[in-house]
Amino acid sequence: MTTLALAALSAAMMFVPSPRTVVSDNARTAVAEVVETDDSLITRSGLLEYGTQRLTVELPDGTRRKAVNELRAQLDIDKKFRIGDSALVTTGEEPLTARDHFRTGKMAFMFLLFAALLLLFGGWTGAKALFSFVFCCIATWKVLIPLVLDGWNASLTVFATVSLLTAVIMYLVAGFTRIGISAFLGSMLGIGVSLLCAHVSMPLLHINGATMPFSQALLYSGYESLDLADIFSAAVVLASSGAVMDLAMDIAAGVGEVHRHNPALSGRELFASGIRIGRAVVGTMTTTLLLAYSGGYMTLLMMFAAQGTPPWTFLNTTLVSAEVVKTLVGSFGLVLVAPFTAMISATVMKR
């Protein structure tokens, strides 16, 4: 019954009004196949290309139209089409404008493959995990992002959203049981510590949050009242909350199994078992968090290495310092969620 209620809540969130937009992107688009390309107006300078790529595309109704693709010598946003590619084109102007490659179909196939493997391996538990995945996506896009854009305090909004997501995930995975309750409470304590550490460390290290992608563009486009430092702190907590939940569930489930096999153990003995489980898991989880964040700024480190910049110098740059804060704040939550969950699990199991 509760699962049906959560499904209804997910459906209702889809009808939540979108936040105030700074521009109106209401151009009509269609998926077209590229049947001809002309690169004669493209100029190449080293690795960069700029100019206009002229295309002939075939629309779904079978008609062929001319389209253009503008290259601006920016590798992060430029795209180049070849014959046979699927392009997302605007249809309200002549010539058409090729906005980007059409990737939705392939992404949908990958998601369906992921869902099939999850259901095949996990059965009903995998189905609940898949539902929690979809619920997280909907809640983030339709609730969290609009509220922060409307000026709500980002830290409190993220904490409330993560609390809801944690409750849903723990219920779907473990049910309303002692294990689920212990994992939820331990997770919330760990996430709270991470949020506190983020707010303490940012002014201490003089980080203003402007290192986040498109943050300055967002300010200049009509949302100048946003607090980037607060949003950065909230983003750090949001990014590490999944690992905190994972560790809390591992410890709570471990203590629950120990108690089930030997109900005569005292609360102190269960707490000691939870600590030992946490010690075995924390080491790998903190390294996992470090590697996950390192992958996001790998090219930045490569640039410093190519320039011969010593670690003492690049560690004090704003970009690297911000990433270090992300890693350490998430690690604080991971390290402390272990004793929190072990203590709560031992107390809940004995009662």
Protein backbone atom coordinates (compact mmCIF):
# COMPACT_ATOMS: atom_id res chain seq x y z
CA MET A 1 0.00 0.00 0.00
CA THR A 2 2.79 2.40 0.88
CA THR A 3 4.55 1.60 -2.39
CA LEU A 4 1.39 2.59 -4.28
CA ALA A 5 1.24 5.82 -2.29
CA LEU A 6 4.85 6.61 -3.24
CA ALA A 7 4.05 5.86 -6.88
CA ALA A 8 1.12 8.27 -6.71
CA LEU A 9 3.39 10.89 -5.14
CA SER A 10 5.90 10.44 -7.96
CA ALA A 11 3.15 10.91 -10.54
CA ALA A 12 1.88 14.02 -8.73
CA MET A 13 5.36 15.57 -8.71
CA MET A 14 5.43 15.45 -12.49
CA PHE A 15 2.72 18.14 -12.49
CA VAL A 16 4.62 20.54 -10.23
CA PRO A 17 4.95 23.89 -12.08
CA SER A 18 8.36 24.65 -13.53
CA PRO A 19 10.43 27.48 -12.02
CA ARG A 20 10.60 30.95 -13.51
CA THR A 21 12.52 30.85 -16.78
CA VAL A 22 14.93 33.54 -17.92
CA VAL A 23 14.27 32.91 -21.62
CA SER A 24 11.58 31.06 -23.52
CA ASP A 25 12.95 28.02 -25.33
CA ASN A 26 9.77 27.01 -27.14
CA ALA A 27 11.24 26.24 -30.56
CA ARG A 28 9.68 23.24 -32.25
CA THR A 29 12.13 20.42 -32.79
CA ALA A 30 12.20 17.18 -34.70
CA VAL A 31 14.55 14.24 -35.12
CA ALA A 32 16.10 14.12 -38.58
CA GLU A 33 18.64 11.90 -40.30
CA VAL A 34 21.71 13.56 -41.80
CA VAL A 35 21.96 12.51 -45.45
CA GLU A 36 24.55 14.99 -46.73
CA THR A 37 27.27 17.20 -45.22
CA ASP A 38 29.32 20.12 -46.55
CA ASP A 39 32.38 21.19 -44.52
CA SER A 40 33.74 23.72 -47.00
CA LEU A 41 32.91 26.70 -44.74
CA ILE A 42 34.71 25.24 -41.72
CA THR A 43 38.14 26.61 -40.83
CA ARG A 44 40.54 24.48 -38.83
CA SER A 45 43.13 26.02 -36.50
CA GLY A 46 45.13 23.38 -34.70
CA LEU A 47 42.67 21.26 -32.75
CA LEU A 48 39.86 23.79 -33.06
CA GLU A 49 37.30 24.22 -35.82
CA TYR A 50 34.98 27.15 -36.43
CA GLY A 51 32.55 28.12 -39.13
CA THR A 52 29.34 26.68 -40.56
CA GLN A 53 28.69 23.06 -41.43
CA ARG A 54 25.94 22.81 -44.04
CA LEU A 55 23.71 19.76 -43.85
CA THR A 56 20.92 18.08 -45.74
CA VAL A 57 18.58 16.28 -43.38
CA GLU A 58 15.59 14.01 -43.88
CA LEU A 59 12.64 14.69 -41.59
CA PRO A 60 10.31 11.95 -40.28
CA ASP A 61 7.76 12.75 -43.01
CA GLY A 62 10.35 11.96 -45.69
CA THR A 63 11.03 15.54 -46.82
CA ARG A 64 14.60 16.76 -47.18
CA ARG A 65 15.59 20.18 -45.89
CA LYS A 66 18.74 22.25 -45.58
CA ALA A 67 20.20 22.76 -42.11
CA VAL A 68 23.20 24.51 -40.59
CA ASN A 69 25.48 23.64 -37.69
CA GLU A 70 27.56 26.47 -36.21
CA LEU A 71 30.99 25.59 -34.78
CA ARG A 72 32.49 28.15 -32.37
CA ALA A 73 35.92 26.64 -31.67
CA GLN A 74 34.69 25.36 -28.29
CA LEU A 75 35.23 21.65 -27.90
CA ASP A 76 32.89 21.38 -24.91
CA ILE A 77 29.81 22.57 -26.86
CA ASP A 78 30.66 22.09 -30.54
CA LYS A 79 29.31 19.09 -32.42
CA LYS A 80 30.01 17.81 -35.90
CA PHE A 81 27.69 15.61 -37.90
CA ARG A 82 28.36 12.78 -40.31
CA ILE A 83 26.12 11.07 -42.82
CA GLY A 84 23.76 8.71 -41.02
CA ASP A 85 23.73 10.61 -37.72
CA SER A 86 20.45 11.47 -36.00
CA ALA A 87 20.17 15.20 -35.34
CA LEU A 88 17.76 17.23 -33.24
CA VAL A 89 16.79 20.17 -35.48
CA THR A 90 14.53 23.18 -35.10
CA THR A 91 11.70 23.22 -37.64
CA GLY A 92 10.40 26.77 -37.40
CA GLU A 93 13.03 28.48 -39.55
CA GLU A 94 14.80 28.11 -42.87
CA PRO A 95 17.44 26.80 -43.03
CA LEU A 96 16.92 24.50 -40.08
CA THR A 97 19.32 24.66 -37.15
CA ALA A 98 20.97 21.46 -35.96
CA ARG A 99 20.92 21.81 -32.18
CA ASP A 100 22.70 18.60 -31.24
CA HIS A 101 22.96 14.88 -31.76
CA PHE A 102 19.80 13.00 -30.84
CA ARG A 103 20.82 10.74 -27.96
CA THR A 104 17.55 10.07 -26.13
CA GLY A 105 16.84 6.82 -27.94
CA LYS A 106 20.22 5.29 -27.07
CA MET A 107 20.04 6.56 -23.49
CA ALA A 108 16.59 5.00 -23.14
CA PHE A 109 17.96 1.68 -24.41
CA MET A 110 20.80 1.82 -21.87
CA PHE A 111 18.34 2.57 -19.08
CA LEU A 112 16.08 -0.32 -20.11
CA LEU A 113 19.09 -2.63 -20.19
CA PHE A 114 20.09 -1.44 -16.71
CA ALA A 115 16.53 -1.96 -15.46
CA ALA A 116 16.37 -5.46 -16.96
CA LEU A 117 19.64 -6.49 -15.33
CA LEU A 118 18.53 -5.03 -12.00
CA LEU A 119 15.24 -6.90 -12.13
CA LEU A 120 16.92 -10.11 -13.25
CA PHE A 121 19.44 -10.01 -10.43
CA GLY A 122 17.38 -8.44 -7.64
CA GLY A 123 13.85 -9.63 -8.33
CA TRP A 124 11.29 -7.74 -6.25
CA THR A 125 14.06 -6.01 -4.30
CA GLY A 126 15.57 -4.89 -7.60
CA ALA A 127 12.17 -3.55 -8.65
CA LYS A 128 11.98 -1.48 -5.46
CA ALA A 129 15.54 -0.25 -6.03
CA LEU A 130 14.57 0.78 -9.56
CA PHE A 131 11.56 2.63 -8.20
CA SER A 132 13.71 4.48 -5.68
CA PHE A 133 16.09 5.45 -8.52
CA VAL A 134 13.23 6.94 -10.54
CA PHE A 135 11.78 8.62 -7.45
CA CYS A 136 15.14 10.30 -6.73
CA CYS A 137 15.34 11.63 -10.28
CA ILE A 138 11.81 13.06 -10.16
CA ALA A 139 12.21 14.57 -6.69
CA THR A 140 15.49 16.24 -7.64
CA TRP A 141 14.23 17.74 -10.89
CA LYS A 142 10.67 18.66 -9.93
CA VAL A 143 11.10 19.63 -6.26
CA LEU A 144 14.69 20.36 -5.28
CA ILE A 145 15.82 22.38 -8.32
CA PRO A 146 12.68 24.60 -8.55
CA LEU A 147 12.72 25.41 -4.83
CA VAL A 148 16.40 26.41 -4.86
CA LEU A 149 15.84 28.53 -7.97
CA ASP A 150 12.95 30.27 -6.22
CA GLY A 151 15.32 31.40 -3.49
CA TRP A 152 14.77 28.77 -0.79
CA ASN A 153 17.73 28.09 1.45
CA ALA A 154 19.70 25.48 -0.50
CA SER A 155 21.16 23.67 2.51
CA LEU A 156 17.83 23.23 4.28
CA THR A 157 16.08 22.30 1.04
CA VAL A 158 18.68 19.68 0.19
CA PHE A 159 18.62 18.32 3.75
CA ALA A 160 14.82 17.99 3.64
CA THR A 161 14.90 16.40 0.18
CA VAL A 162 17.65 13.98 1.14
CA SER A 163 15.70 13.09 4.29
CA LEU A 164 12.68 12.22 2.16
CA LEU A 165 14.77 10.24 -0.32
CA THR A 166 16.57 8.40 2.49
CA ALA A 167 13.28 7.46 4.12
CA VAL A 168 11.88 6.18 0.82
CA ILE A 169 15.02 4.22 -0.07
CA MET A 170 15.40 2.67 3.37
CA TYR A 171 11.74 1.69 3.47
CA LEU A 172 11.84 0.13 0.02
CA VAL A 173 15.08 -1.76 0.70
CA ALA A 174 14.66 -2.84 4.33
CA GLY A 175 11.02 -2.14 5.07
CA PHE A 176 9.75 -0.46 8.24
CA THR A 177 11.96 -2.66 10.37
CA ARG A 178 14.62 -2.16 13.02
CA ILE A 179 17.28 -2.36 10.33
CA GLY A 180 15.53 0.27 8.19
CA ILE A 181 14.99 2.61 11.14
CA SER A 182 18.61 2.25 12.29
CA ALA A 183 19.96 2.88 8.80
CA PHE A 184 17.73 5.94 8.36
CA LEU A 185 18.69 7.55 11.67
CA GLY A 186 22.38 6.81 11.17
CA SER A 187 22.25 8.27 7.66
CA MET A 188 20.60 11.47 8.83
CA LEU A 189 23.22 11.99 11.53
CA GLY A 190 26.02 11.44 9.01
CA ILE A 191 24.43 13.79 6.47
CA GLY A 192 23.90 16.43 9.16
CA VAL A 193 27.58 16.26 10.11
CA SER A 194 28.56 16.63 6.44
CA LEU A 195 26.38 19.71 6.09
CA LEU A 196 27.89 21.27 9.21
CA CYS A 197 31.43 20.54 8.02
CA ALA A 198 30.67 22.08 4.62
CA HIS A 199 29.48 25.35 6.17
CA VAL A 200 32.50 25.49 8.49
CA SER A 201 35.15 24.64 5.89
CA MET A 202 34.00 26.94 3.07
CA PRO A 203 34.65 30.29 4.79
CA LEU A 204 37.73 28.80 6.42
CA LEU A 205 39.23 28.02 2.98
CA HIS A 206 37.74 31.10 1.25
CA ILE A 207 35.63 29.14 -1.24
CA ASN A 208 32.63 31.01 -2.65
CA GLY A 209 30.99 28.29 -4.73
CA ALA A 210 31.60 29.97 -8.09
CA THR A 211 33.64 26.96 -9.26
CA MET A 212 30.43 25.04 -10.03
CA PRO A 213 29.69 24.79 -13.78
CA PHE A 214 27.43 27.56 -15.14
CA SER A 215 27.10 29.17 -11.70
CA GLN A 216 28.16 32.60 -12.88
CA ALA A 217 26.01 32.35 -16.00
CA LEU A 218 23.06 31.59 -13.73
CA LEU A 219 23.73 34.70 -11.67
CA TYR A 220 24.03 36.95 -14.70
CA SER A 221 20.85 35.60 -16.32
CA GLY A 222 18.45 36.92 -13.70
CA TYR A 223 19.12 34.91 -10.54
CA GLU A 224 21.63 37.26 -8.94
CA SER A 225 20.09 36.74 -5.49
CA LEU A 226 21.24 33.10 -5.31
CA ASP A 227 23.79 32.26 -2.61
CA LEU A 228 26.44 30.24 -4.44
CA ALA A 229 28.29 29.33 -1.25
CA ASP A 230 25.14 27.85 0.25
CA ILE A 231 24.36 26.01 -2.99
CA PHE A 232 27.90 24.61 -3.07
CA SER A 233 27.55 23.31 0.49
CA ALA A 234 24.23 21.72 -0.39
CA ALA A 235 25.66 20.16 -3.55
CA VAL A 236 28.52 18.60 -1.58
CA VAL A 237 26.07 17.00 0.85
CA LEU A 238 23.80 15.83 -1.96
CA ALA A 239 26.73 14.23 -3.78
CA SER A 240 27.95 12.31 -0.74
CA SER A 241 24.54 11.32 0.67
CA GLY A 242 24.33 8.16 -1.44
CA ALA A 243 27.59 6.79 -0.04
CA VAL A 244 26.47 7.69 3.49
CA MET A 245 23.18 5.82 3.00
CA ASP A 246 25.04 2.82 1.59
CA LEU A 247 27.39 2.61 4.56
CA ALA A 248 24.58 3.08 7.09
CA MET A 249 22.59 0.24 5.53
CA ASP A 250 25.66 -2.03 5.51
CA ILE A 251 26.26 -1.52 9.21
CA ALA A 252 22.60 -1.71 10.23
CA ALA A 253 22.10 -4.90 8.24
CA GLY A 254 25.28 -6.41 9.70
CA VAL A 255 24.27 -5.65 13.27
CA GLY A 256 20.79 -6.99 12.53
CA GLU A 257 22.22 -10.28 11.29
CA VAL A 258 24.48 -10.61 14.33
CA HIS A 259 21.50 -10.00 16.62
CA ARG A 260 19.32 -12.47 14.71
CA HIS A 261 21.87 -15.27 15.04
CA ASN A 262 22.64 -14.50 18.68
CA PRO A 263 19.84 -12.56 20.43
CA ALA A 264 21.60 -12.99 23.77
CA LEU A 265 24.30 -10.47 22.89
CA SER A 266 24.19 -7.26 24.91
CA GLY A 267 23.85 -3.81 23.42
CA ARG A 268 27.53 -3.13 24.06
CA GLU A 269 28.53 -6.28 22.18
CA LEU A 270 26.28 -5.38 19.26
CA PHE A 271 27.80 -1.90 19.20
CA ALA A 272 31.30 -3.43 19.10
CA SER A 273 30.22 -5.66 16.20
CA GLY A 274 28.88 -2.62 14.33
CA ILE A 275 32.14 -0.75 14.87
CA ARG A 276 34.14 -3.67 13.49
CA ILE A 277 31.87 -3.85 10.44
CA GLY A 278 32.23 -0.10 9.97
CA ARG A 279 36.01 -0.25 10.14
CA ALA A 280 36.07 -2.83 7.38
CA VAL A 281 33.83 -0.78 5.11
CA VAL A 282 34.90 2.82 5.79
CA GLY A 283 38.38 2.36 4.32
CA THR A 284 37.09 1.33 0.90
CA MET A 285 34.19 3.79 0.92
CA THR A 286 36.38 6.84 1.55
CA THR A 287 38.70 5.73 -1.25
CA THR A 288 35.67 5.24 -3.49
CA LEU A 289 34.54 8.77 -2.74
CA LEU A 290 38.02 10.14 -3.48
CA LEU A 291 38.18 8.34 -6.83
CA ALA A 292 34.67 9.44 -7.75
CA TYR A 293 35.52 13.10 -7.20
CA SER A 294 38.99 12.77 -8.76
CA GLY A 295 37.44 11.59 -11.99
CA GLY A 296 35.62 14.90 -12.28
CA TYR A 297 38.78 16.99 -12.32
CA MET A 298 41.25 14.56 -13.88
CA THR A 299 42.00 16.87 -16.83
CA LEU A 300 42.67 19.73 -14.42
CA LEU A 301 45.32 17.66 -12.63
CA MET A 302 46.76 16.62 -16.01
CA MET A 303 47.09 20.29 -16.98
CA PHE A 304 48.97 21.08 -13.78
CA ALA A 305 51.24 18.08 -14.37
CA ALA A 306 51.89 19.16 -17.96
CA GLN A 307 52.82 22.67 -16.80
CA GLY A 308 55.10 21.35 -14.08
CA THR A 309 53.07 23.02 -11.33
CA PRO A 310 54.12 21.67 -7.90
CA PRO A 311 51.41 20.27 -5.61
CA TRP A 312 52.08 23.01 -3.05
CA THR A 313 50.97 25.54 -5.65
CA PHE A 314 47.96 23.88 -7.31
CA LEU A 315 46.51 22.66 -4.00
CA ASN A 316 46.00 26.32 -3.09
CA THR A 317 44.09 27.18 -6.27
CA THR A 318 40.36 27.79 -5.91
CA LEU A 319 39.33 24.94 -8.22
CA VAL A 320 41.42 22.27 -6.52
CA SER A 321 40.59 23.55 -3.03
CA ALA A 322 36.89 23.28 -3.83
CA GLU A 323 37.32 19.66 -4.92
CA VAL A 324 39.36 18.89 -1.80
CA VAL A 325 36.52 20.29 0.32
CA LYS A 326 34.05 18.04 -1.50
CA THR A 327 36.15 14.96 -0.79
CA LEU A 328 36.91 15.76 2.85
CA VAL A 329 33.38 16.85 3.74
CA GLY A 330 31.95 13.66 2.28
CA SER A 331 34.61 11.64 4.08
CA PHE A 332 33.70 13.25 7.42
CA GLY A 333 30.14 12.06 6.97
CA LEU A 334 31.28 8.57 5.99
CA VAL A 335 33.63 8.17 8.94
CA LEU A 336 31.12 9.38 11.52
CA VAL A 337 28.07 7.57 10.13
CA ALA A 338 29.70 4.27 11.13
CA PRO A 339 29.71 4.81 14.93
CA PHE A 340 26.38 6.65 14.75
CA THR A 341 24.68 3.74 12.98
CA ALA A 342 26.39 1.12 15.14
CA MET A 343 25.19 2.87 18.30
CA ILE A 344 21.65 3.35 17.04
CA SER A 345 21.46 -0.21 15.68
CA ALA A 346 22.60 -1.71 18.98
CA THR A 347 20.03 0.35 20.89
CA VAL A 348 17.16 -0.39 18.51
CA MET A 349 17.91 -4.12 18.25
CA LYS A 350 17.89 -4.62 22.02
CA ARG A 351 14.60 -2.74 22.38
